[in-house]
Amino acid sequence: MPMFSHTQVEEYLNDVILKMRSELRNILKDSVNAYPTKPRHEWLFDWPSQIILVVNQIFWCQEVEQATKEVVLMVYQIFWCQKEEQGDAETILVFNIQGIILQKGGWGGESNQEREQ
């Protein structure tokens, strides 16, 4: 009966872990690159569910960051550049933020134009 030393098994399992991480990293890169090239309903069926969740989080964070930058720029314009205009700046700000949210399709990530296609 062959005997394996304890360290050989550990080395083998460590190699399995390294290979698994490498493959997941490659699959994730491919999935991120493929995301903008296909309609979402087709893209979903090409990848494992855990990869889909990670890529969704990546793109969601990017979209939230972009929307935040737009809101910050808008706030700056309202309170500093358009300071002398008539009207209540807070009301203008609320309407503009609501407009951005509606334009971007609410909090769901897809814009109204993307849904209509």
PDB file of N, CA and C in Angstrom:
ATOM      1  N   MET A   1       0.860  -1.171   0.000  1.00  0.00           N
ATOM      2  CA  MET A   1       0.000   0.000   0.000  1.00  0.00           C
ATOM      3  C   MET A   1       0.908   1.236   0.000  1.00  0.00           C
ATOM      4  N   PRO A   2       0.716   2.147  -1.019  1.00  0.00           N
ATOM      5  CA  PRO A   2       1.562   3.351  -1.072  1.00  0.00           C
ATOM      6  C   PRO A   2       1.214   4.313   0.071  1.00  0.00           C
ATOM      7  N   MET A   3       2.220   4.950   0.541  1.00  0.00           N
ATOM      8  CA  MET A   3       2.022   5.909   1.631  1.00  0.00           C
ATOM      9  C   MET A   3       2.414   7.298   1.126  1.00  0.00           C
ATOM     10  N   PHE A   4       1.555   8.263   1.411  1.00  0.00           N
ATOM     11  CA  PHE A   4       1.829   9.651   1.053  1.00  0.00           C
ATOM     12  C   PHE A   4       2.225  10.408   2.316  1.00  0.00           C
ATOM     13  N   SER A   5       3.195  11.235   2.156  1.00  0.00           N
ATOM     14  CA  SER A   5       3.547  12.052   3.314  1.00  0.00           C
ATOM     15  C   SER A   5       2.540  13.184   3.447  1.00  0.00           C
ATOM     16  N   HIS A   6       2.445  13.681   4.613  1.00  0.00           N
ATOM     17  CA  HIS A   6       1.490  14.756   4.911  1.00  0.00           C
ATOM     18  C   HIS A   6       1.766  16.000   4.050  1.00  0.00           C
ATOM     19  N   THR A   7       3.014  16.311   3.825  1.00  0.00           N
ATOM     20  CA  THR A   7       3.352  17.519   3.061  1.00  0.00           C
ATOM     21  C   THR A   7       3.002  17.378   1.592  1.00  0.00           C
ATOM     22  N   GLN A   8       3.066  16.182   1.024  1.00  0.00           N
ATOM     23  CA  GLN A   8       2.706  16.009  -0.382  1.00  0.00           C
ATOM     24  C   GLN A   8       1.231  16.325  -0.618  1.00  0.00           C
ATOM     25  N   VAL A   9       0.384  15.884   0.273  1.00  0.00           N
ATOM     26  CA  VAL A   9      -1.043  16.158   0.155  1.00  0.00           C
ATOM     27  C   VAL A   9      -1.297  17.662   0.268  1.00  0.00           C
ATOM     28  N   GLU A  10      -0.663  18.312   1.212  1.00  0.00           N
ATOM     29  CA  GLU A  10      -0.831  19.750   1.389  1.00  0.00           C
ATOM     30  C   GLU A  10      -0.337  20.511   0.159  1.00  0.00           C
ATOM     31  N   GLU A  11       0.789  20.085  -0.393  1.00  0.00           N
ATOM     32  CA  GLU A  11       1.307  20.740  -1.598  1.00  0.00           C
ATOM     33  C   GLU A  11       0.346  20.568  -2.760  1.00  0.00           C
ATOM     34  N   TYR A  12      -0.189  19.367  -2.903  1.00  0.00           N
ATOM     35  CA  TYR A  12      -1.151  19.109  -3.967  1.00  0.00           C
ATOM     36  C   TYR A  12      -2.388  19.996  -3.807  1.00  0.00           C
ATOM     37  N   LEU A  13      -2.938  20.059  -2.620  1.00  0.00           N
ATOM     38  CA  LEU A  13      -4.134  20.880  -2.379  1.00  0.00           C
ATOM     39  C   LEU A  13      -3.838  22.367  -2.572  1.00  0.00           C
ATOM     40  N   ASN A  14      -2.653  22.816  -2.178  1.00  0.00           N
ATOM     41  CA  ASN A  14      -2.276  24.210  -2.425  1.00  0.00           C
ATOM     42  C   ASN A  14      -2.181  24.495  -3.916  1.00  0.00           C
ATOM     43  N   ASP A  15      -1.669  23.542  -4.688  1.00  0.00           N
ATOM     44  CA  ASP A  15      -1.615  23.704  -6.147  1.00  0.00           C
ATOM     45  C   ASP A  15      -3.021  23.772  -6.741  1.00  0.00           C
ATOM     46  N   VAL A  16      -3.933  22.944  -6.214  1.00  0.00           N
ATOM     47  CA  VAL A  16      -5.324  22.976  -6.678  1.00  0.00           C
ATOM     48  C   VAL A  16      -5.929  24.352  -6.408  1.00  0.00           C
ATOM     49  N   ILE A  17      -5.698  24.885  -5.232  1.00  0.00           N
ATOM     50  CA  ILE A  17      -6.228  26.206  -4.872  1.00  0.00           C
ATOM     51  C   ILE A  17      -5.666  27.285  -5.802  1.00  0.00           C
ATOM     52  N   LEU A  18      -4.364  27.248  -6.049  1.00  0.00           N
ATOM     53  CA  LEU A  18      -3.751  28.242  -6.936  1.00  0.00           C
ATOM     54  C   LEU A  18      -4.314  28.162  -8.351  1.00  0.00           C
ATOM     55  N   LYS A  19      -4.490  26.955  -8.841  1.00  0.00           N
ATOM     56  CA  LYS A  19      -5.039  26.774 -10.187  1.00  0.00           C
ATOM     57  C   LYS A  19      -6.491  27.249 -10.248  1.00  0.00           C
ATOM     58  N   MET A  20      -7.257  26.943  -9.221  1.00  0.00           N
ATOM     59  CA  MET A  20      -8.653  27.359  -9.174  1.00  0.00           C
ATOM     60  C   MET A  20      -8.764  28.887  -9.171  1.00  0.00           C
ATOM     61  N   ARG A  21      -7.950  29.543  -8.388  1.00  0.00           N
ATOM     62  CA  ARG A  21      -7.953  31.007  -8.346  1.00  0.00           C
ATOM     63  C   ARG A  21      -7.563  31.596  -9.699  1.00  0.00           C
ATOM     64  N   SER A  22      -6.567  31.006 -10.315  1.00  0.00           N
ATOM     65  CA  SER A  22      -6.113  31.480 -11.626  1.00  0.00           C
ATOM     66  C   SER A  22      -7.227  31.349 -12.664  1.00  0.00           C
ATOM     67  N   GLU A  23      -7.903  30.220 -12.669  1.00  0.00           N
ATOM     68  CA  GLU A  23      -8.987  30.002 -13.637  1.00  0.00           C
ATOM     69  C   GLU A  23     -10.148  30.954 -13.383  1.00  0.00           C
ATOM     70  N   LEU A  24     -10.505  31.145 -12.124  1.00  0.00           N
ATOM     71  CA  LEU A  24     -11.586  32.079 -11.806  1.00  0.00           C
ATOM     72  C   LEU A  24     -11.229  33.507 -12.222  1.00  0.00           C
ATOM     73  N   ARG A  25      -9.981  33.885 -12.009  1.00  0.00           N
ATOM     74  CA  ARG A  25      -9.523  35.212 -12.419  1.00  0.00           C
ATOM     75  C   ARG A  25      -9.655  35.380 -13.939  1.00  0.00           C
ATOM     76  N   ASN A  26      -9.261  34.353 -14.693  1.00  0.00           N
ATOM     77  CA  ASN A  26      -9.357  34.419 -16.157  1.00  0.00           C
ATOM     78  C   ASN A  26     -10.809  34.464 -16.628  1.00  0.00           C
ATOM     79  N   ILE A  27     -11.660  33.658 -16.009  1.00  0.00           N
ATOM     80  CA  ILE A  27     -13.083  33.656 -16.362  1.00  0.00           C
ATOM     81  C   ILE A  27     -13.695  35.015 -16.043  1.00  0.00           C
ATOM     82  N   LEU A  28     -13.331  35.593 -14.906  1.00  0.00           N
ATOM     83  CA  LEU A  28     -13.863  36.900 -14.523  1.00  0.00           C
ATOM     84  C   LEU A  28     -13.440  37.980 -15.515  1.00  0.00           C
ATOM     85  N   LYS A  29     -12.177  37.976 -15.920  1.00  0.00           N
ATOM     86  CA  LYS A  29     -11.702  38.952 -16.906  1.00  0.00           C
ATOM     87  C   LYS A  29     -12.469  38.817 -18.214  1.00  0.00           C
ATOM     88  N   ASP A  30     -12.637  37.579 -18.670  1.00  0.00           N
ATOM     89  CA  ASP A  30     -13.365  37.347 -19.921  1.00  0.00           C
ATOM     90  C   ASP A  30     -14.812  37.816 -19.808  1.00  0.00           C
ATOM     91  N   SER A  31     -15.427  37.565 -18.672  1.00  0.00           N
ATOM     92  CA  SER A  31     -16.816  37.956 -18.461  1.00  0.00           C
ATOM     93  C   SER A  31     -16.976  39.476 -18.421  1.00  0.00           C
ATOM     94  N   VAL A  32     -16.060  40.152 -17.743  1.00  0.00           N
ATOM     95  CA  VAL A  32     -16.096  41.625 -17.692  1.00  0.00           C
ATOM     96  C   VAL A  32     -15.936  42.204 -19.097  1.00  0.00           C
ATOM     97  N   ASN A  33     -15.036  41.626 -19.881  1.00  0.00           N
ATOM     98  CA  ASN A  33     -14.831  42.114 -21.249  1.00  0.00           C
ATOM     99  C   ASN A  33     -16.027  41.822 -22.150  1.00  0.00           C
ATOM    100  N   ALA A  34     -16.730  40.724 -21.891  1.00  0.00           N
ATOM    101  CA  ALA A  34     -17.876  40.353 -22.722  1.00  0.00           C
ATOM    102  C   ALA A  34     -19.144  41.116 -22.356  1.00  0.00           C
ATOM    103  N   TYR A  35     -19.224  41.630 -21.143  1.00  0.00           N
ATOM    104  CA  TYR A  35     -20.448  42.284 -20.654  1.00  0.00           C
ATOM    105  C   TYR A  35     -20.952  43.392 -21.585  1.00  0.00           C
ATOM    106  N   PRO A  36     -20.107  44.318 -22.023  1.00  0.00           N
ATOM    107  CA  PRO A  36     -20.628  45.403 -22.868  1.00  0.00           C
ATOM    108  C   PRO A  36     -20.903  44.983 -24.319  1.00  0.00           C
ATOM    109  N   THR A  37     -20.498  43.778 -24.713  1.00  0.00           N
ATOM    110  CA  THR A  37     -20.606  43.397 -26.118  1.00  0.00           C
ATOM    111  C   THR A  37     -21.916  42.705 -26.473  1.00  0.00           C
ATOM    112  N   LYS A  38     -22.666  42.268 -25.474  1.00  0.00           N
ATOM    113  CA  LYS A  38     -23.901  41.523 -25.717  1.00  0.00           C
ATOM    114  C   LYS A  38     -25.044  42.132 -24.918  1.00  0.00           C
ATOM    115  N   PRO A  39     -26.256  41.924 -25.384  1.00  0.00           N
ATOM    116  CA  PRO A  39     -27.402  42.298 -24.532  1.00  0.00           C
ATOM    117  C   PRO A  39     -27.355  41.479 -23.242  1.00  0.00           C
ATOM    118  N   ARG A  40     -27.774  42.092 -22.171  1.00  0.00           N
ATOM    119  CA  ARG A  40     -27.666  41.464 -20.850  1.00  0.00           C
ATOM    120  C   ARG A  40     -28.361  40.107 -20.791  1.00  0.00           C
ATOM    121  N   HIS A  41     -29.546  40.000 -21.399  1.00  0.00           N
ATOM    122  CA  HIS A  41     -30.285  38.737 -21.314  1.00  0.00           C
ATOM    123  C   HIS A  41     -29.567  37.596 -22.048  1.00  0.00           C
ATOM    124  N   GLU A  42     -28.700  37.898 -22.982  1.00  0.00           N
ATOM    125  CA  GLU A  42     -27.897  36.865 -23.635  1.00  0.00           C
ATOM    126  C   GLU A  42     -26.611  36.601 -22.849  1.00  0.00           C
ATOM    127  N   TRP A  43     -26.007  37.670 -22.363  1.00  0.00           N
ATOM    128  CA  TRP A  43     -24.755  37.556 -21.610  1.00  0.00           C
ATOM    129  C   TRP A  43     -24.919  36.666 -20.380  1.00  0.00           C
ATOM    130  N   LEU A  44     -26.080  36.761 -19.716  1.00  0.00           N
ATOM    131  CA  LEU A  44     -26.323  36.011 -18.484  1.00  0.00           C
ATOM    132  C   LEU A  44     -26.145  34.505 -18.650  1.00  0.00           C
ATOM    133  N   PHE A  45     -26.490  33.990 -19.820  1.00  0.00           N
ATOM    134  CA  PHE A  45     -26.456  32.543 -20.017  1.00  0.00           C
ATOM    135  C   PHE A  45     -25.071  32.021 -20.393  1.00  0.00           C
ATOM    136  N   ASP A  46     -24.102  32.920 -20.537  1.00  0.00           N
ATOM    137  CA  ASP A  46     -22.755  32.510 -20.942  1.00  0.00           C
ATOM    138  C   ASP A  46     -21.803  32.275 -19.770  1.00  0.00           C
ATOM    139  N   TRP A  47     -22.227  32.611 -18.548  1.00  0.00           N
ATOM    140  CA  TRP A  47     -21.282  32.614 -17.429  1.00  0.00           C
ATOM    141  C   TRP A  47     -21.877  31.948 -16.198  1.00  0.00           C
ATOM    142  N   PRO A  48     -21.014  31.431 -15.308  1.00  0.00           N
ATOM    143  CA  PRO A  48     -21.497  30.866 -14.035  1.00  0.00           C
ATOM    144  C   PRO A  48     -22.131  31.953 -13.154  1.00  0.00           C
ATOM    145  N   SER A  49     -23.055  31.533 -12.321  1.00  0.00           N
ATOM    146  CA  SER A  49     -23.832  32.503 -11.539  1.00  0.00           C
ATOM    147  C   SER A  49     -22.968  33.350 -10.599  1.00  0.00           C
ATOM    148  N   GLN A  50     -21.945  32.787  -9.985  1.00  0.00           N
ATOM    149  CA  GLN A  50     -21.112  33.592  -9.086  1.00  0.00           C
ATOM    150  C   GLN A  50     -20.328  34.650  -9.855  1.00  0.00           C
ATOM    151  N   ILE A  51     -19.895  34.322 -11.060  1.00  0.00           N
ATOM    152  CA  ILE A  51     -19.204  35.304 -11.903  1.00  0.00           C
ATOM    153  C   ILE A  51     -20.178  36.411 -12.295  1.00  0.00           C
ATOM    154  N   ILE A  52     -21.408  36.046 -12.608  1.00  0.00           N
ATOM    155  CA  ILE A  52     -22.434  37.039 -12.956  1.00  0.00           C
ATOM    156  C   ILE A  52     -22.628  38.022 -11.808  1.00  0.00           C
ATOM    157  N   LEU A  53     -22.705  37.503 -10.592  1.00  0.00           N
ATOM    158  CA  LEU A  53     -22.890  38.377  -9.428  1.00  0.00           C
ATOM    159  C   LEU A  53     -21.724  39.345  -9.260  1.00  0.00           C
ATOM    160  N   VAL A  54     -20.503  38.859  -9.430  1.00  0.00           N
ATOM    161  CA  VAL A  54     -19.327  39.721  -9.271  1.00  0.00           C
ATOM    162  C   VAL A  54     -19.304  40.796 -10.361  1.00  0.00           C
ATOM    163  N   VAL A  55     -19.556  40.409 -11.607  1.00  0.00           N
ATOM    164  CA  VAL A  55     -19.530  41.376 -12.704  1.00  0.00           C
ATOM    165  C   VAL A  55     -20.655  42.402 -12.532  1.00  0.00           C
ATOM    166  N   ASN A  56     -21.818  41.958 -12.095  1.00  0.00           N
ATOM    167  CA  ASN A  56     -22.910  42.906 -11.821  1.00  0.00           C
ATOM    168  C   ASN A  56     -22.485  43.939 -10.789  1.00  0.00           C
ATOM    169  N   GLN A  57     -21.816  43.504  -9.733  1.00  0.00           N
ATOM    170  CA  GLN A  57     -21.342  44.430  -8.704  1.00  0.00           C
ATOM    171  C   GLN A  57     -20.308  45.400  -9.260  1.00  0.00           C
ATOM    172  N   ILE A  58     -19.421  44.911 -10.108  1.00  0.00           N
ATOM    173  CA  ILE A  58     -18.404  45.775 -10.705  1.00  0.00           C
ATOM    174  C   ILE A  58     -19.058  46.884 -11.507  1.00  0.00           C
ATOM    175  N   PHE A  59     -19.973  46.522 -12.403  1.00  0.00           N
ATOM    176  CA  PHE A  59     -20.605  47.530 -13.253  1.00  0.00           C
ATOM    177  C   PHE A  59     -21.559  48.412 -12.460  1.00  0.00           C
ATOM    178  N   TRP A  60     -22.237  47.851 -11.455  1.00  0.00           N
ATOM    179  CA  TRP A  60     -23.115  48.666 -10.622  1.00  0.00           C
ATOM    180  C   TRP A  60     -22.306  49.741  -9.901  1.00  0.00           C
ATOM    181  N   CYS A  61     -21.159  49.361  -9.351  1.00  0.00           N
ATOM    182  CA  CYS A  61     -20.310  50.330  -8.652  1.00  0.00           C
ATOM    183  C   CYS A  61     -19.825  51.419  -9.603  1.00  0.00           C
ATOM    184  N   GLN A  62     -19.457  51.038 -10.819  1.00  0.00           N
ATOM    185  CA  GLN A  62     -19.019  52.033 -11.797  1.00  0.00           C
ATOM    186  C   GLN A  62     -20.142  53.012 -12.128  1.00  0.00           C
ATOM    187  N   GLU A  63     -21.365  52.482 -12.304  1.00  0.00           N
ATOM    188  CA  GLU A  63     -22.502  53.348 -12.631  1.00  0.00           C
ATOM    189  C   GLU A  63     -22.867  54.265 -11.471  1.00  0.00           C
ATOM    190  N   VAL A  64     -22.800  53.745 -10.250  1.00  0.00           N
ATOM    191  CA  VAL A  64     -23.087  54.575  -9.071  1.00  0.00           C
ATOM    192  C   VAL A  64     -22.040  55.665  -8.929  1.00  0.00           C
ATOM    193  N   GLU A  65     -20.787  55.320  -9.154  1.00  0.00           N
ATOM    194  CA  GLU A  65     -19.721  56.314  -9.073  1.00  0.00           C
ATOM    195  C   GLU A  65     -19.923  57.416 -10.106  1.00  0.00           C
ATOM    196  N   GLN A  66     -20.288  57.037 -11.327  1.00  0.00           N
ATOM    197  CA  GLN A  66     -20.527  58.025 -12.383  1.00  0.00           C
ATOM    198  C   GLN A  66     -21.725  58.910 -12.027  1.00  0.00           C
ATOM    199  N   ALA A  67     -22.804  58.300 -11.543  1.00  0.00           N
ATOM    200  CA  ALA A  67     -23.982  59.081 -11.159  1.00  0.00           C
ATOM    201  C   ALA A  67     -23.650  60.031 -10.014  1.00  0.00           C
ATOM    202  N   THR A  68     -22.836  59.586  -9.068  1.00  0.00           N
ATOM    203  CA  THR A  68     -22.433  60.437  -7.955  1.00  0.00           C
ATOM    204  C   THR A  68     -21.632  61.634  -8.459  1.00  0.00           C
ATOM    205  N   LYS A  69     -20.733  61.387  -9.392  1.00  0.00           N
ATOM    206  CA  LYS A  69     -19.959  62.492  -9.960  1.00  0.00           C
ATOM    207  C   LYS A  69     -20.871  63.500 -10.653  1.00  0.00           C
ATOM    208  N   GLU A  70     -21.886  62.994 -11.369  1.00  0.00           N
ATOM    209  CA  GLU A  70     -22.820  63.891 -12.046  1.00  0.00           C
ATOM    210  C   GLU A  70     -23.605  64.728 -11.044  1.00  0.00           C
ATOM    211  N   VAL A  71     -24.038  64.105  -9.951  1.00  0.00           N
ATOM    212  CA  VAL A  71     -24.803  64.829  -8.933  1.00  0.00           C
ATOM    213  C   VAL A  71     -23.921  65.874  -8.257  1.00  0.00           C
ATOM    214  N   VAL A  72     -22.682  65.516  -7.946  1.00  0.00           N
ATOM    215  CA  VAL A  72     -21.774  66.476  -7.309  1.00  0.00           C
ATOM    216  C   VAL A  72     -21.538  67.665  -8.230  1.00  0.00           C
ATOM    217  N   LEU A  73     -21.332  67.395  -9.507  1.00  0.00           N
ATOM    218  CA  LEU A  73     -21.145  68.478 -10.468  1.00  0.00           C
ATOM    219  C   LEU A  73     -22.397  69.348 -10.547  1.00  0.00           C
ATOM    220  N   MET A  74     -23.556  68.705 -10.552  1.00  0.00           N
ATOM    221  CA  MET A  74     -24.805  69.451 -10.614  1.00  0.00           C
ATOM    222  C   MET A  74     -24.982  70.324  -9.366  1.00  0.00           C
ATOM    223  N   VAL A  75     -24.675  69.766  -8.197  1.00  0.00           N
ATOM    224  CA  VAL A  75     -24.792  70.536  -6.954  1.00  0.00           C
ATOM    225  C   VAL A  75     -23.864  71.741  -7.014  1.00  0.00           C
ATOM    226  N   TYR A  76     -22.663  71.534  -7.480  1.00  0.00           N
ATOM    227  CA  TYR A  76     -21.718  72.642  -7.603  1.00  0.00           C
ATOM    228  C   TYR A  76     -22.289  73.721  -8.518  1.00  0.00           C
ATOM    229  N   GLN A  77     -22.824  73.318  -9.656  1.00  0.00           N
ATOM    230  CA  GLN A  77     -23.375  74.291 -10.601  1.00  0.00           C
ATOM    231  C   GLN A  77     -24.555  75.041 -10.009  1.00  0.00           C
ATOM    232  N   ILE A  78     -25.407  74.328  -9.298  1.00  0.00           N
ATOM    233  CA  ILE A  78     -26.603  74.976  -8.738  1.00  0.00           C
ATOM    234  C   ILE A  78     -26.225  75.959  -7.644  1.00  0.00           C
ATOM    235  N   PHE A  79     -25.401  75.540  -6.710  1.00  0.00           N
ATOM    236  CA  PHE A  79     -25.135  76.383  -5.554  1.00  0.00           C
ATOM    237  C   PHE A  79     -24.081  77.450  -5.786  1.00  0.00           C
ATOM    238  N   TRP A  80     -23.210  77.270  -6.765  1.00  0.00           N
ATOM    239  CA  TRP A  80     -22.152  78.254  -6.953  1.00  0.00           C
ATOM    240  C   TRP A  80     -22.267  79.009  -8.266  1.00  0.00           C
ATOM    241  N   CYS A  81     -22.495  78.317  -9.347  1.00  0.00           N
ATOM    242  CA  CYS A  81     -22.511  78.978 -10.647  1.00  0.00           C
ATOM    243  C   CYS A  81     -23.830  79.680 -10.924  1.00  0.00           C
ATOM    244  N   GLN A  82     -24.924  79.122 -10.412  1.00  0.00           N
ATOM    245  CA  GLN A  82     -26.235  79.697 -10.677  1.00  0.00           C
ATOM    246  C   GLN A  82     -26.804  80.341  -9.421  1.00  0.00           C
ATOM    247  N   LYS A  83     -25.932  80.853  -8.598  1.00  0.00           N
ATOM    248  CA  LYS A  83     -26.313  81.390  -7.295  1.00  0.00           C
ATOM    249  C   LYS A  83     -27.288  82.572  -7.414  1.00  0.00           C
ATOM    250  N   GLU A  84     -27.099  83.383  -8.435  1.00  0.00           N
ATOM    251  CA  GLU A  84     -27.921  84.577  -8.551  1.00  0.00           C
ATOM    252  C   GLU A  84     -29.292  84.328  -9.171  1.00  0.00           C
ATOM    253  N   GLU A  85     -29.522  83.135  -9.710  1.00  0.00           N
ATOM    254  CA  GLU A  85     -30.813  82.874 -10.361  1.00  0.00           C
ATOM    255  C   GLU A  85     -31.947  82.905  -9.354  1.00  0.00           C
ATOM    256  N   GLN A  86     -33.126  83.154  -9.875  1.00  0.00           N
ATOM    257  CA  GLN A  86     -34.301  83.173  -9.009  1.00  0.00           C
ATOM    258  C   GLN A  86     -34.648  81.750  -8.594  1.00  0.00           C
ATOM    259  N   GLY A  87     -35.418  81.643  -7.558  1.00  0.00           N
ATOM    260  CA  GLY A  87     -35.916  80.343  -7.133  1.00  0.00           C
ATOM    261  C   GLY A  87     -35.120  79.771  -5.986  1.00  0.00           C
ATOM    262  N   ASP A  88     -35.705  78.790  -5.414  1.00  0.00           N
ATOM    263  CA  ASP A  88     -35.132  78.111  -4.265  1.00  0.00           C
ATOM    264  C   ASP A  88     -34.151  77.055  -4.768  1.00  0.00           C
ATOM    265  N   ALA A  89     -32.886  77.184  -4.420  1.00  0.00           N
ATOM    266  CA  ALA A  89     -31.846  76.271  -4.897  1.00  0.00           C
ATOM    267  C   ALA A  89     -32.115  74.835  -4.445  1.00  0.00           C
ATOM    268  N   GLU A  90     -32.661  74.661  -3.250  1.00  0.00           N
ATOM    269  CA  GLU A  90     -32.934  73.312  -2.757  1.00  0.00           C
ATOM    270  C   GLU A  90     -33.997  72.615  -3.608  1.00  0.00           C
ATOM    271  N   THR A  91     -35.027  73.352  -3.988  1.00  0.00           N
ATOM    272  CA  THR A  91     -36.075  72.785  -4.843  1.00  0.00           C
ATOM    273  C   THR A  91     -35.511  72.418  -6.207  1.00  0.00           C
ATOM    274  N   ILE A  92     -34.684  73.282  -6.764  1.00  0.00           N
ATOM    275  CA  ILE A  92     -34.055  73.008  -8.055  1.00  0.00           C
ATOM    276  C   ILE A  92     -33.200  71.746  -7.948  1.00  0.00           C
ATOM    277  N   LEU A  93     -32.452  71.625  -6.865  1.00  0.00           N
ATOM    278  CA  LEU A  93     -31.598  70.469  -6.655  1.00  0.00           C
ATOM    279  C   LEU A  93     -32.422  69.185  -6.607  1.00  0.00           C
ATOM    280  N   VAL A  94     -33.521  69.195  -5.860  1.00  0.00           N
ATOM    281  CA  VAL A  94     -34.371  68.004  -5.750  1.00  0.00           C
ATOM    282  C   VAL A  94     -34.908  67.599  -7.111  1.00  0.00           C
ATOM    283  N   PHE A  95     -35.391  68.576  -7.891  1.00  0.00           N
ATOM    284  CA  PHE A  95     -35.917  68.258  -9.219  1.00  0.00           C
ATOM    285  C   PHE A  95     -34.830  67.719 -10.139  1.00  0.00           C
ATOM    286  N   ASN A  96     -33.646  68.282 -10.073  1.00  0.00           N
ATOM    287  CA  ASN A  96     -32.554  67.801 -10.919  1.00  0.00           C
ATOM    288  C   ASN A  96     -32.120  66.388 -10.531  1.00  0.00           C
ATOM    289  N   ILE A  97     -32.046  66.100  -9.242  1.00  0.00           N
ATOM    290  CA  ILE A  97     -31.680  64.752  -8.805  1.00  0.00           C
ATOM    291  C   ILE A  97     -32.750  63.756  -9.238  1.00  0.00           C
ATOM    292  N   GLN A  98     -34.019  64.127  -9.095  1.00  0.00           N
ATOM    293  CA  GLN A  98     -35.083  63.243  -9.541  1.00  0.00           C
ATOM    294  C   GLN A  98     -34.995  63.002 -11.053  1.00  0.00           C
ATOM    295  N   GLY A  99     -34.653  64.037 -11.794  1.00  0.00           N
ATOM    296  CA  GLY A  99     -34.498  63.890 -13.236  1.00  0.00           C
ATOM    297  C   GLY A  99     -33.375  62.939 -13.599  1.00  0.00           C
ATOM    298  N   ILE A 100     -32.242  63.019 -12.899  1.00  0.00           N
ATOM    299  CA  ILE A 100     -31.123  62.109 -13.159  1.00  0.00           C
ATOM    300  C   ILE A 100     -31.532  60.677 -12.841  1.00  0.00           C
ATOM    301  N   ILE A 101     -32.218  60.482 -11.724  1.00  0.00           N
ATOM    302  CA  ILE A 101     -32.637  59.136 -11.340  1.00  0.00           C
ATOM    303  C   ILE A 101     -33.586  58.569 -12.387  1.00  0.00           C
ATOM    304  N   LEU A 102     -34.544  59.362 -12.834  1.00  0.00           N
ATOM    305  CA  LEU A 102     -35.483  58.883 -13.846  1.00  0.00           C
ATOM    306  C   LEU A 102     -34.780  58.642 -15.175  1.00  0.00           C
ATOM    307  N   GLN A 103     -33.855  59.511 -15.527  1.00  0.00           N
ATOM    308  CA  GLN A 103     -33.111  59.356 -16.770  1.00  0.00           C
ATOM    309  C   GLN A 103     -32.294  58.070 -16.760  1.00  0.00           C
ATOM    310  N   LYS A 104     -31.722  57.732 -15.618  1.00  0.00           N
ATOM    311  CA  LYS A 104     -30.895  56.527 -15.491  1.00  0.00           C
ATOM    312  C   LYS A 104     -31.749  55.286 -15.257  1.00  0.00           C
ATOM    313  N   GLY A 105     -33.046  55.421 -15.193  1.00  0.00           N
ATOM    314  CA  GLY A 105     -33.902  54.247 -15.031  1.00  0.00           C
ATOM    315  C   GLY A 105     -34.120  53.852 -13.586  1.00  0.00           C
ATOM    316  N   GLY A 106     -34.129  54.818 -12.693  1.00  0.00           N
ATOM    317  CA  GLY A 106     -34.296  54.497 -11.283  1.00  0.00           C
ATOM    318  C   GLY A 106     -33.006  53.941 -10.729  1.00  0.00           C
ATOM    319  N   TRP A 107     -33.125  53.098  -9.738  1.00  0.00           N
ATOM    320  CA  TRP A 107     -31.945  52.525  -9.107  1.00  0.00           C
ATOM    321  C   TRP A 107     -31.584  51.186  -9.731  1.00  0.00           C
ATOM    322  N   GLY A 108     -32.266  50.779 -10.823  1.00  0.00           N
ATOM    323  CA  GLY A 108     -32.039  49.472 -11.417  1.00  0.00           C
ATOM    324  C   GLY A 108     -30.835  49.393 -12.319  1.00  0.00           C
ATOM    325  N   GLY A 109     -30.274  50.514 -12.742  1.00  0.00           N
ATOM    326  CA  GLY A 109     -29.054  50.484 -13.542  1.00  0.00           C
ATOM    327  C   GLY A 109     -29.267  50.684 -15.023  1.00  0.00           C
ATOM    328  N   GLU A 110     -30.390  50.211 -15.587  1.00  0.00           N
ATOM    329  CA  GLU A 110     -30.608  50.394 -17.009  1.00  0.00           C
ATOM    330  C   GLU A 110     -31.367  51.699 -17.221  1.00  0.00           C
ATOM    331  N   SER A 111     -30.957  52.450 -18.229  1.00  0.00           N
ATOM    332  CA  SER A 111     -31.669  53.687 -18.521  1.00  0.00           C
ATOM    333  C   SER A 111     -32.960  53.382 -19.240  1.00  0.00           C
ATOM    334  N   ASN A 112     -33.854  54.364 -19.293  1.00  0.00           N
ATOM    335  CA  ASN A 112     -35.113  54.180 -19.976  1.00  0.00           C
ATOM    336  C   ASN A 112     -34.901  53.884 -21.462  1.00  0.00           C
ATOM    337  N   GLN A 113     -33.879  54.499 -22.071  1.00  0.00           N
ATOM    338  CA  GLN A 113     -33.600  54.250 -23.483  1.00  0.00           C
ATOM    339  C   GLN A 113     -33.196  52.802 -23.690  1.00  0.00           C
ATOM    340  N   GLU A 114     -32.390  52.225 -22.779  1.00  0.00           N
ATOM    341  CA  GLU A 114     -31.962  50.833 -22.910  1.00  0.00           C
ATOM    342  C   GLU A 114     -33.142  49.888 -22.784  1.00  0.00           C
ATOM    343  N   ARG A 115     -34.101  50.197 -21.921  1.00  0.00           N
ATOM    344  CA  ARG A 115     -35.258  49.330 -21.739  1.00  0.00           C
ATOM    345  C   ARG A 115     -36.162  49.332 -22.953  1.00  0.00           C
ATOM    346  N   GLU A 116     -36.255  50.480 -23.644  1.00  0.00           N
ATOM    347  CA  GLU A 116     -37.134  50.597 -24.790  1.00  0.00           C
ATOM    348  C   GLU A 116     -36.618  49.821 -25.993  1.00  0.00           C
ATOM    349  N   GLN A 117     -35.332  49.521 -26.023  1.00  0.00           N
ATOM    350  CA  GLN A 117     -34.752  48.820 -27.178  1.00  0.00           C
ATOM    351  C   GLN A 117     -35.065  47.361 -27.164  1.00  0.00           C
TER     352      GLN A 117
END
